[in-house]
Amino acid sequence: MHIAGATVLLTGVTGGIGSALAAGLSDRGARLILTGRRREALEPLAERYGARTVLADLADPDDVRRLAEEAAGTDILVANAALPSSGDVLDYTPEQIDRAFAVNLRAPAVLARLLAPGMVAAGRGHVCFVGSLSGMAATKSSTMYNASKFGLRGFSLAFRQDLHGTGVGVSIVQPGFVRDLGMFAKTGSPTPGGVRTVSPDRVVRGVARAIERDVAELNVAPLELRFLTKVASQFPGFAERVQRLAGADRTVDTIVAAQRASR
């Protein structure tokens, strides 16, 4: 699927990586529809990229449906919006659990369901979910985030099979820790265990590659983190013990404290 000339709906544009994606997709010739919850953050981006904007709260099912209606004719959906959703489950209210799943899993799934028929009718299009390596391996104090990203990965890989032969591709791009921009960078914390980070531009290039080459799954992280994630996904009990021995609890606590207000 060519990005140049395509109409792209990008969610979560007012967050850190979202702004980098907007710039990267615009540079590649996309016609952007940008959505977020804060009008004051959307308006400068609309002017900068000549984009159309739709104000929407992805935790609200009515807003999700309205967004899909206003973005009818979208050629490419880049579902990037997500809540950090860190912290122990026992610290969450039922309402916070609902919001985590609504934004991180339900909204991208519903947007894909509502926009894909138009793509199928046109015989072309692409749905790209921005997931996380947390959708492959579980870690302490990330239960809600792990659950939503595991679900998003499963939805993406199966939905891709559902749409096989229609001309519509589906991808999931899964970054590790991203520096400079995004939910991890905002915490100001070092990475657990001192693992290396990737740049926002590398995530943008990963999304572009996934769309243009119809890649099923693309993991954007240093080689060692991709290897450790694969090991953890296959041997979760072993990975749990290694994480404890690594003594990353203090770093994790710092991240959770910094992200608490985003639940």
C-alpha atoms as a PDB file:
ATOM      1  CA  MET A   1       0.000   0.000   0.000  1.00  0.00           C
ATOM      2  CA  HIS A   2       1.471   3.356  -1.028  1.00  0.00           C
ATOM      3  CA  ILE A   3       1.369   6.063   1.656  1.00  0.00           C
ATOM      4  CA  ALA A   4       1.815   8.911  -0.831  1.00  0.00           C
ATOM      5  CA  GLY A   5      -1.603  10.266  -1.785  1.00  0.00           C
ATOM      6  CA  ALA A   6      -3.460   8.044   0.697  1.00  0.00           C
ATOM      7  CA  THR A   7      -5.880   9.332   3.322  1.00  0.00           C
ATOM      8  CA  VAL A   8      -4.514   8.270   6.718  1.00  0.00           C
ATOM      9  CA  LEU A   9      -6.426   8.359   9.996  1.00  0.00           C
ATOM     10  CA  LEU A  10      -3.899   8.635  12.841  1.00  0.00           C
ATOM     11  CA  THR A  11      -5.053   8.235  16.448  1.00  0.00           C
ATOM     12  CA  GLY A  12      -3.158   9.411  19.506  1.00  0.00           C
ATOM     13  CA  VAL A  13      -1.547  12.239  17.591  1.00  0.00           C
ATOM     14  CA  THR A  14      -1.292  14.539  20.613  1.00  0.00           C
ATOM     15  CA  GLY A  15       1.012  12.087  22.389  1.00  0.00           C
ATOM     16  CA  GLY A  16       4.761  11.982  21.807  1.00  0.00           C
ATOM     17  CA  ILE A  17       5.146   9.227  19.221  1.00  0.00           C
ATOM     18  CA  GLY A  18       1.923  10.367  17.559  1.00  0.00           C
ATOM     19  CA  SER A  19       3.470  13.720  16.671  1.00  0.00           C
ATOM     20  CA  ALA A  20       6.483  11.946  15.159  1.00  0.00           C
ATOM     21  CA  LEU A  21       4.166   9.689  13.150  1.00  0.00           C
ATOM     22  CA  ALA A  22       2.222  12.698  11.886  1.00  0.00           C
ATOM     23  CA  ALA A  23       5.436  14.327  10.675  1.00  0.00           C
ATOM     24  CA  GLY A  24       6.736  11.134   9.089  1.00  0.00           C
ATOM     25  CA  LEU A  25       3.492  10.276   7.306  1.00  0.00           C
ATOM     26  CA  SER A  26       3.087  13.858   6.083  1.00  0.00           C
ATOM     27  CA  ASP A  27       6.645  13.803   4.715  1.00  0.00           C
ATOM     28  CA  ARG A  28       5.712  10.643   2.803  1.00  0.00           C
ATOM     29  CA  GLY A  29       2.800  12.412   1.112  1.00  0.00           C
ATOM     30  CA  ALA A  30      -0.153  11.240   3.194  1.00  0.00           C
ATOM     31  CA  ARG A  31      -3.378  13.235   3.519  1.00  0.00           C
ATOM     32  CA  LEU A  32      -3.844  13.208   7.277  1.00  0.00           C
ATOM     33  CA  ILE A  33      -6.906  12.970   9.488  1.00  0.00           C
ATOM     34  CA  LEU A  34      -5.655  13.562  13.030  1.00  0.00           C
ATOM     35  CA  THR A  35      -7.589  12.765  16.174  1.00  0.00           C
ATOM     36  CA  GLY A  36      -7.079  13.321  19.890  1.00  0.00           C
ATOM     37  CA  ARG A  37      -8.848  14.598  23.001  1.00  0.00           C
ATOM     38  CA  ARG A  38      -7.280  18.080  23.232  1.00  0.00           C
ATOM     39  CA  ARG A  39      -8.329  20.712  20.727  1.00  0.00           C
ATOM     40  CA  GLU A  40      -5.473  23.051  21.695  1.00  0.00           C
ATOM     41  CA  ALA A  41      -2.967  20.326  20.793  1.00  0.00           C
ATOM     42  CA  LEU A  42      -4.712  19.301  17.557  1.00  0.00           C
ATOM     43  CA  GLU A  43      -5.080  22.728  15.980  1.00  0.00           C
ATOM     44  CA  PRO A  44      -1.342  23.534  15.562  1.00  0.00           C
ATOM     45  CA  LEU A  45      -0.780  20.088  14.017  1.00  0.00           C
ATOM     46  CA  ALA A  46      -3.666  20.600  11.611  1.00  0.00           C
ATOM     47  CA  GLU A  47      -2.119  23.863  10.440  1.00  0.00           C
ATOM     48  CA  ARG A  48       1.380  22.419  10.202  1.00  0.00           C
ATOM     49  CA  TYR A  49       0.398  19.409   8.089  1.00  0.00           C
ATOM     50  CA  GLY A  50      -2.677  20.739   6.295  1.00  0.00           C
ATOM     51  CA  ALA A  51      -4.613  18.005   8.056  1.00  0.00           C
ATOM     52  CA  ARG A  52      -8.258  17.499   8.939  1.00  0.00           C
ATOM     53  CA  THR A  53      -8.904  16.968  12.656  1.00  0.00           C
ATOM     54  CA  VAL A  54     -11.584  15.152  14.621  1.00  0.00           C
ATOM     55  CA  LEU A  55     -11.858  15.726  18.366  1.00  0.00           C
ATOM     56  CA  ALA A  56     -12.624  12.377  20.045  1.00  0.00           C
ATOM     57  CA  ASP A  57     -12.172  10.524  23.326  1.00  0.00           C
ATOM     58  CA  LEU A  58     -11.404   6.897  22.495  1.00  0.00           C
ATOM     59  CA  ALA A  59     -12.657   5.793  25.919  1.00  0.00           C
ATOM     60  CA  ASP A  60     -16.158   6.869  24.802  1.00  0.00           C
ATOM     61  CA  PRO A  61     -17.851   4.308  22.471  1.00  0.00           C
ATOM     62  CA  ASP A  62     -20.034   7.011  20.921  1.00  0.00           C
ATOM     63  CA  ASP A  63     -16.966   9.102  20.096  1.00  0.00           C
ATOM     64  CA  VAL A  64     -15.286   6.084  18.486  1.00  0.00           C
ATOM     65  CA  ARG A  65     -18.297   5.460  16.251  1.00  0.00           C
ATOM     66  CA  ARG A  66     -18.549   9.162  15.355  1.00  0.00           C
ATOM     67  CA  LEU A  67     -14.830   9.257  14.549  1.00  0.00           C
ATOM     68  CA  ALA A  68     -15.243   6.344  12.137  1.00  0.00           C
ATOM     69  CA  GLU A  69     -18.185   8.106  10.469  1.00  0.00           C
ATOM     70  CA  GLU A  70     -16.282  11.376  10.081  1.00  0.00           C
ATOM     71  CA  ALA A  71     -13.223   9.516   8.750  1.00  0.00           C
ATOM     72  CA  ALA A  72     -15.177   7.528   6.162  1.00  0.00           C
ATOM     73  CA  GLY A  73     -13.066   6.985   3.056  1.00  0.00           C
ATOM     74  CA  THR A  74      -9.875   6.408   5.040  1.00  0.00           C
ATOM     75  CA  ASP A  75      -7.320   4.390   3.060  1.00  0.00           C
ATOM     76  CA  ILE A  76      -4.968   3.673   5.980  1.00  0.00           C
ATOM     77  CA  LEU A  77      -5.738   3.471   9.695  1.00  0.00           C
ATOM     78  CA  VAL A  78      -2.779   3.929  12.034  1.00  0.00           C
ATOM     79  CA  ALA A  79      -4.138   3.058  15.483  1.00  0.00           C
ATOM     80  CA  ASN A  80      -1.493   4.549  17.733  1.00  0.00           C
ATOM     81  CA  ALA A  81      -3.394   5.860  20.787  1.00  0.00           C
ATOM     82  CA  ALA A  82      -2.812   4.076  24.095  1.00  0.00           C
ATOM     83  CA  LEU A  83      -2.771   4.625  27.833  1.00  0.00           C
ATOM     84  CA  PRO A  84       0.343   3.574  29.801  1.00  0.00           C
ATOM     85  CA  SER A  85      -1.833   1.468  32.148  1.00  0.00           C
ATOM     86  CA  SER A  86       1.044   0.587  34.462  1.00  0.00           C
ATOM     87  CA  GLY A  87       0.712  -0.432  38.095  1.00  0.00           C
ATOM     88  CA  ASP A  88      -0.618  -3.399  40.048  1.00  0.00           C
ATOM     89  CA  VAL A  89      -4.172  -4.494  39.285  1.00  0.00           C
ATOM     90  CA  LEU A  90      -5.145  -4.162  42.967  1.00  0.00           C
ATOM     91  CA  ASP A  91      -4.454  -0.433  42.675  1.00  0.00           C
ATOM     92  CA  TYR A  92      -6.969  -0.068  39.824  1.00  0.00           C
ATOM     93  CA  THR A  93     -10.648   0.741  40.134  1.00  0.00           C
ATOM     94  CA  PRO A  94     -13.053  -1.159  37.860  1.00  0.00           C
ATOM     95  CA  GLU A  95     -13.600   2.093  35.971  1.00  0.00           C
ATOM     96  CA  GLN A  96      -9.857   2.453  35.325  1.00  0.00           C
ATOM     97  CA  ILE A  97      -9.727  -1.136  34.054  1.00  0.00           C
ATOM     98  CA  ASP A  98     -12.584  -0.373  31.665  1.00  0.00           C
ATOM     99  CA  ARG A  99     -10.807   2.752  30.400  1.00  0.00           C
ATOM    100  CA  ALA A 100      -7.525   0.907  29.817  1.00  0.00           C
ATOM    101  CA  PHE A 101      -9.212  -1.752  27.697  1.00  0.00           C
ATOM    102  CA  ALA A 102     -11.454   0.790  25.949  1.00  0.00           C
ATOM    103  CA  VAL A 103      -8.571   2.947  24.709  1.00  0.00           C
ATOM    104  CA  ASN A 104      -5.897   0.300  24.187  1.00  0.00           C
ATOM    105  CA  LEU A 105      -7.958  -2.531  22.700  1.00  0.00           C
ATOM    106  CA  ARG A 106     -11.631  -1.804  22.060  1.00  0.00           C
ATOM    107  CA  ALA A 107     -11.164   1.493  20.200  1.00  0.00           C
ATOM    108  CA  PRO A 108      -8.593   0.199  17.679  1.00  0.00           C
ATOM    109  CA  ALA A 109     -10.618  -2.967  17.112  1.00  0.00           C
ATOM    110  CA  VAL A 110     -13.862  -1.049  16.549  1.00  0.00           C
ATOM    111  CA  LEU A 111     -12.218   1.528  14.284  1.00  0.00           C
ATOM    112  CA  ALA A 112     -10.738  -1.304  12.222  1.00  0.00           C
ATOM    113  CA  ARG A 113     -14.143  -3.012  12.038  1.00  0.00           C
ATOM    114  CA  LEU A 114     -15.917   0.178  10.940  1.00  0.00           C
ATOM    115  CA  LEU A 115     -13.327   1.432   8.452  1.00  0.00           C
ATOM    116  CA  ALA A 116     -12.235  -1.850   6.842  1.00  0.00           C
ATOM    117  CA  PRO A 117     -15.440  -2.428   4.806  1.00  0.00           C
ATOM    118  CA  GLY A 118     -14.769   0.744   2.823  1.00  0.00           C
ATOM    119  CA  MET A 119     -11.223  -0.428   2.158  1.00  0.00           C
ATOM    120  CA  VAL A 120     -12.460  -3.877   1.105  1.00  0.00           C
ATOM    121  CA  ALA A 121     -14.987  -2.303  -1.256  1.00  0.00           C
ATOM    122  CA  ALA A 122     -12.173  -0.259  -2.821  1.00  0.00           C
ATOM    123  CA  GLY A 123      -9.918  -3.325  -3.022  1.00  0.00           C
ATOM    124  CA  ARG A 124      -7.086  -1.494  -1.295  1.00  0.00           C
ATOM    125  CA  GLY A 125      -6.114  -0.202   2.127  1.00  0.00           C
ATOM    126  CA  HIS A 126      -4.170  -0.962   5.275  1.00  0.00           C
ATOM    127  CA  VAL A 127      -4.735  -1.174   9.021  1.00  0.00           C
ATOM    128  CA  CYS A 128      -1.629  -0.661  11.155  1.00  0.00           C
ATOM    129  CA  PHE A 129      -1.791  -1.124  14.900  1.00  0.00           C
ATOM    130  CA  VAL A 130       0.968   0.350  17.060  1.00  0.00           C
ATOM    131  CA  GLY A 131       1.411  -2.224  19.804  1.00  0.00           C
ATOM    132  CA  SER A 132       4.330  -2.910  22.119  1.00  0.00           C
ATOM    133  CA  LEU A 133       6.778  -5.646  23.003  1.00  0.00           C
ATOM    134  CA  SER A 134       4.619  -5.770  26.140  1.00  0.00           C
ATOM    135  CA  GLY A 135       2.171  -7.631  23.903  1.00  0.00           C
ATOM    136  CA  MET A 136       4.617 -10.542  23.749  1.00  0.00           C
ATOM    137  CA  ALA A 137       6.068 -10.837  27.258  1.00  0.00           C
ATOM    138  CA  ALA A 138       4.628 -10.051  30.678  1.00  0.00           C
ATOM    139  CA  THR A 139       6.394  -7.882  33.240  1.00  0.00           C
ATOM    140  CA  LYS A 140       5.750  -6.832  36.811  1.00  0.00           C
ATOM    141  CA  SER A 141       3.311  -3.949  37.368  1.00  0.00           C
ATOM    142  CA  SER A 142       2.212  -3.980  33.719  1.00  0.00           C
ATOM    143  CA  THR A 143      -0.789  -6.290  33.957  1.00  0.00           C
ATOM    144  CA  MET A 144      -3.337  -4.000  32.312  1.00  0.00           C
ATOM    145  CA  TYR A 145      -0.914  -2.841  29.643  1.00  0.00           C
ATOM    146  CA  ASN A 146       0.240  -6.412  28.966  1.00  0.00           C
ATOM    147  CA  ALA A 147      -3.342  -7.641  28.731  1.00  0.00           C
ATOM    148  CA  SER A 148      -4.432  -4.945  26.293  1.00  0.00           C
ATOM    149  CA  LYS A 149      -1.342  -5.277  24.104  1.00  0.00           C
ATOM    150  CA  PHE A 150      -1.474  -9.099  24.089  1.00  0.00           C
ATOM    151  CA  GLY A 151      -5.079  -8.720  22.942  1.00  0.00           C
ATOM    152  CA  LEU A 152      -4.191  -6.166  20.275  1.00  0.00           C
ATOM    153  CA  ARG A 153      -1.527  -8.467  18.858  1.00  0.00           C
ATOM    154  CA  GLY A 154      -3.942 -11.379  18.696  1.00  0.00           C
ATOM    155  CA  PHE A 155      -6.621  -9.240  17.070  1.00  0.00           C
ATOM    156  CA  SER A 156      -4.187  -7.889  14.475  1.00  0.00           C
ATOM    157  CA  LEU A 157      -2.717 -11.223  13.424  1.00  0.00           C
ATOM    158  CA  ALA A 158      -6.132 -12.898  13.152  1.00  0.00           C
ATOM    159  CA  PHE A 159      -7.818  -9.917  11.458  1.00  0.00           C
ATOM    160  CA  ARG A 160      -5.035 -10.018   8.879  1.00  0.00           C
ATOM    161  CA  GLN A 161      -6.063 -13.568   8.014  1.00  0.00           C
ATOM    162  CA  ASP A 162      -9.734 -12.568   7.846  1.00  0.00           C
ATOM    163  CA  LEU A 163      -8.895  -9.917   5.223  1.00  0.00           C
ATOM    164  CA  HIS A 164      -6.522 -12.061   3.153  1.00  0.00           C
ATOM    165  CA  GLY A 165      -7.320 -11.740  -0.537  1.00  0.00           C
ATOM    166  CA  THR A 166      -9.320  -8.525  -0.188  1.00  0.00           C
ATOM    167  CA  GLY A 167      -6.472  -6.162  -1.062  1.00  0.00           C
ATOM    168  CA  VAL A 168      -6.441  -4.831   2.508  1.00  0.00           C
ATOM    169  CA  GLY A 169      -3.383  -5.486   4.665  1.00  0.00           C
ATOM    170  CA  VAL A 170      -3.059  -5.567   8.441  1.00  0.00           C
ATOM    171  CA  SER A 171       0.127  -5.033  10.456  1.00  0.00           C
ATOM    172  CA  ILE A 172       1.197  -4.612  14.044  1.00  0.00           C
ATOM    173  CA  VAL A 173       4.324  -2.614  14.882  1.00  0.00           C
ATOM    174  CA  GLN A 174       5.681  -3.289  18.375  1.00  0.00           C
ATOM    175  CA  PRO A 175       8.275  -0.886  19.804  1.00  0.00           C
ATOM    176  CA  GLY A 176      10.385  -1.482  22.865  1.00  0.00           C
ATOM    177  CA  PHE A 177      11.468   1.478  25.010  1.00  0.00           C
ATOM    178  CA  VAL A 178      11.398   4.700  22.953  1.00  0.00           C
ATOM    179  CA  ARG A 179      13.592   7.652  23.930  1.00  0.00           C
ATOM    180  CA  ASP A 180      12.857  11.373  23.623  1.00  0.00           C
ATOM    181  CA  LEU A 181       9.104  11.025  22.948  1.00  0.00           C
ATOM    182  CA  GLY A 182       6.232   8.865  24.161  1.00  0.00           C
ATOM    183  CA  MET A 183       4.828   7.414  27.355  1.00  0.00           C
ATOM    184  CA  PHE A 184       8.112   5.906  28.612  1.00  0.00           C
ATOM    185  CA  ALA A 185      10.227   8.976  27.810  1.00  0.00           C
ATOM    186  CA  LYS A 186       7.804  11.168  29.774  1.00  0.00           C
ATOM    187  CA  THR A 187       8.578   9.278  32.986  1.00  0.00           C
ATOM    188  CA  GLY A 188      12.201  10.459  32.966  1.00  0.00           C
ATOM    189  CA  SER A 189      13.211   7.021  34.219  1.00  0.00           C
ATOM    190  CA  PRO A 190      16.097   4.885  33.042  1.00  0.00           C
ATOM    191  CA  THR A 191      15.103   1.621  31.387  1.00  0.00           C
ATOM    192  CA  PRO A 192      14.787  -1.478  33.581  1.00  0.00           C
ATOM    193  CA  GLY A 193      18.063  -3.358  33.519  1.00  0.00           C
ATOM    194  CA  GLY A 194      19.640  -0.600  31.439  1.00  0.00           C
ATOM    195  CA  VAL A 195      18.367  -2.020  28.135  1.00  0.00           C
ATOM    196  CA  ARG A 196      18.890   0.144  25.071  1.00  0.00           C
ATOM    197  CA  THR A 197      16.190   2.359  23.586  1.00  0.00           C
ATOM    198  CA  VAL A 198      15.153   3.226  20.045  1.00  0.00           C
ATOM    199  CA  SER A 199      14.463   6.624  18.488  1.00  0.00           C
ATOM    200  CA  PRO A 200      10.964   7.833  17.538  1.00  0.00           C
ATOM    201  CA  ASP A 201      12.167   8.038  13.925  1.00  0.00           C
ATOM    202  CA  ARG A 202      12.912   4.336  13.956  1.00  0.00           C
ATOM    203  CA  VAL A 203       9.313   3.665  15.039  1.00  0.00           C
ATOM    204  CA  VAL A 204       8.045   5.910  12.226  1.00  0.00           C
ATOM    205  CA  ARG A 205      10.183   4.037   9.706  1.00  0.00           C
ATOM    206  CA  GLY A 206       8.869   0.757  11.086  1.00  0.00           C
ATOM    207  CA  VAL A 207       5.252   1.862  10.628  1.00  0.00           C
ATOM    208  CA  ALA A 208       5.946   3.063   7.082  1.00  0.00           C
ATOM    209  CA  ARG A 209       7.673  -0.195   6.186  1.00  0.00           C
ATOM    210  CA  ALA A 210       4.871  -2.305   7.663  1.00  0.00           C
ATOM    211  CA  ILE A 211       2.263  -0.419   5.620  1.00  0.00           C
ATOM    212  CA  GLU A 212       4.151  -0.283   2.342  1.00  0.00           C
ATOM    213  CA  ARG A 213       5.353  -3.901   2.444  1.00  0.00           C
ATOM    214  CA  ASP A 214       2.316  -5.374   4.237  1.00  0.00           C
ATOM    215  CA  VAL A 215       4.439  -6.854   7.040  1.00  0.00           C
ATOM    216  CA  ALA A 216       2.397  -8.928   9.500  1.00  0.00           C
ATOM    217  CA  GLU A 217       4.456  -8.079  12.594  1.00  0.00           C
ATOM    218  CA  LEU A 218       7.426  -5.781  13.018  1.00  0.00           C
ATOM    219  CA  ASN A 219       9.279  -5.405  16.317  1.00  0.00           C
ATOM    220  CA  VAL A 220      11.192  -2.142  16.747  1.00  0.00           C
ATOM    221  CA  ALA A 221      13.842  -2.650  19.413  1.00  0.00           C
ATOM    222  CA  PRO A 222      17.542  -3.422  19.832  1.00  0.00           C
ATOM    223  CA  LEU A 223      18.508  -6.985  18.946  1.00  0.00           C
ATOM    224  CA  GLU A 224      19.104  -8.034  22.553  1.00  0.00           C
ATOM    225  CA  LEU A 225      15.670  -6.820  23.687  1.00  0.00           C
ATOM    226  CA  ARG A 226      13.957  -8.595  20.796  1.00  0.00           C
ATOM    227  CA  PHE A 227      15.822 -11.784  21.742  1.00  0.00           C
ATOM    228  CA  LEU A 228      14.940 -11.486  25.434  1.00  0.00           C
ATOM    229  CA  THR A 229      11.308 -10.838  24.564  1.00  0.00           C
ATOM    230  CA  LYS A 230      11.174 -13.981  22.416  1.00  0.00           C
ATOM    231  CA  VAL A 231      12.670 -16.010  25.261  1.00  0.00           C
ATOM    232  CA  ALA A 232      10.211 -14.524  27.766  1.00  0.00           C
ATOM    233  CA  SER A 233       7.253 -15.277  25.500  1.00  0.00           C
ATOM    234  CA  GLN A 234       8.262 -18.932  25.280  1.00  0.00           C
ATOM    235  CA  PHE A 235       9.431 -19.428  28.876  1.00  0.00           C
ATOM    236  CA  PRO A 236       7.415 -17.060  31.100  1.00  0.00           C
ATOM    237  CA  GLY A 237       8.310 -18.773  34.380  1.00  0.00           C
ATOM    238  CA  PHE A 238      12.011 -18.507  33.614  1.00  0.00           C
ATOM    239  CA  ALA A 239      11.613 -14.872  32.550  1.00  0.00           C
ATOM    240  CA  GLU A 240       9.798 -14.056  35.790  1.00  0.00           C
ATOM    241  CA  ARG A 241      12.709 -15.370  37.842  1.00  0.00           C
ATOM    242  CA  VAL A 242      15.259 -13.491  35.733  1.00  0.00           C
ATOM    243  CA  GLN A 243      13.329 -10.235  36.146  1.00  0.00           C
ATOM    244  CA  ARG A 244      13.351 -10.647  39.925  1.00  0.00           C
ATOM    245  CA  LEU A 245      17.073 -11.369  39.994  1.00  0.00           C
ATOM    246  CA  ALA A 246      17.760  -8.323  37.802  1.00  0.00           C
ATOM    247  CA  GLY A 247      16.465  -6.099  40.610  1.00  0.00           C
ATOM    248  CA  ALA A 248      14.537  -3.695  38.399  1.00  0.00           C
ATOM    249  CA  ASP A 249      11.775  -3.076  40.978  1.00  0.00           C
ATOM    250  CA  ARG A 250      12.965   0.432  41.889  1.00  0.00           C
ATOM    251  CA  THR A 251      12.958   1.510  38.235  1.00  0.00           C
ATOM    252  CA  VAL A 252       9.525  -0.024  37.688  1.00  0.00           C
ATOM    253  CA  ASP A 253       8.169   1.799  40.760  1.00  0.00           C
ATOM    254  CA  THR A 254       9.449   5.108  39.338  1.00  0.00           C
ATOM    255  CA  ILE A 255       7.707   4.465  36.017  1.00  0.00           C
ATOM    256  CA  VAL A 256       4.426   3.498  37.704  1.00  0.00           C
ATOM    257  CA  ALA A 257       4.457   6.618  39.909  1.00  0.00           C
ATOM    258  CA  ALA A 258       5.067   8.860  36.889  1.00  0.00           C
ATOM    259  CA  GLN A 259       2.227   7.264  34.895  1.00  0.00           C
ATOM    260  CA  ARG A 260      -0.387   7.000  37.656  1.00  0.00           C
ATOM    261  CA  ALA A 261      -2.251  10.163  36.605  1.00  0.00           C
ATOM    262  CA  SER A 262      -2.786   8.772  33.089  1.00  0.00           C
ATOM    263  CA  ARG A 263      -5.081   5.922  34.133  1.00  0.00           C
END
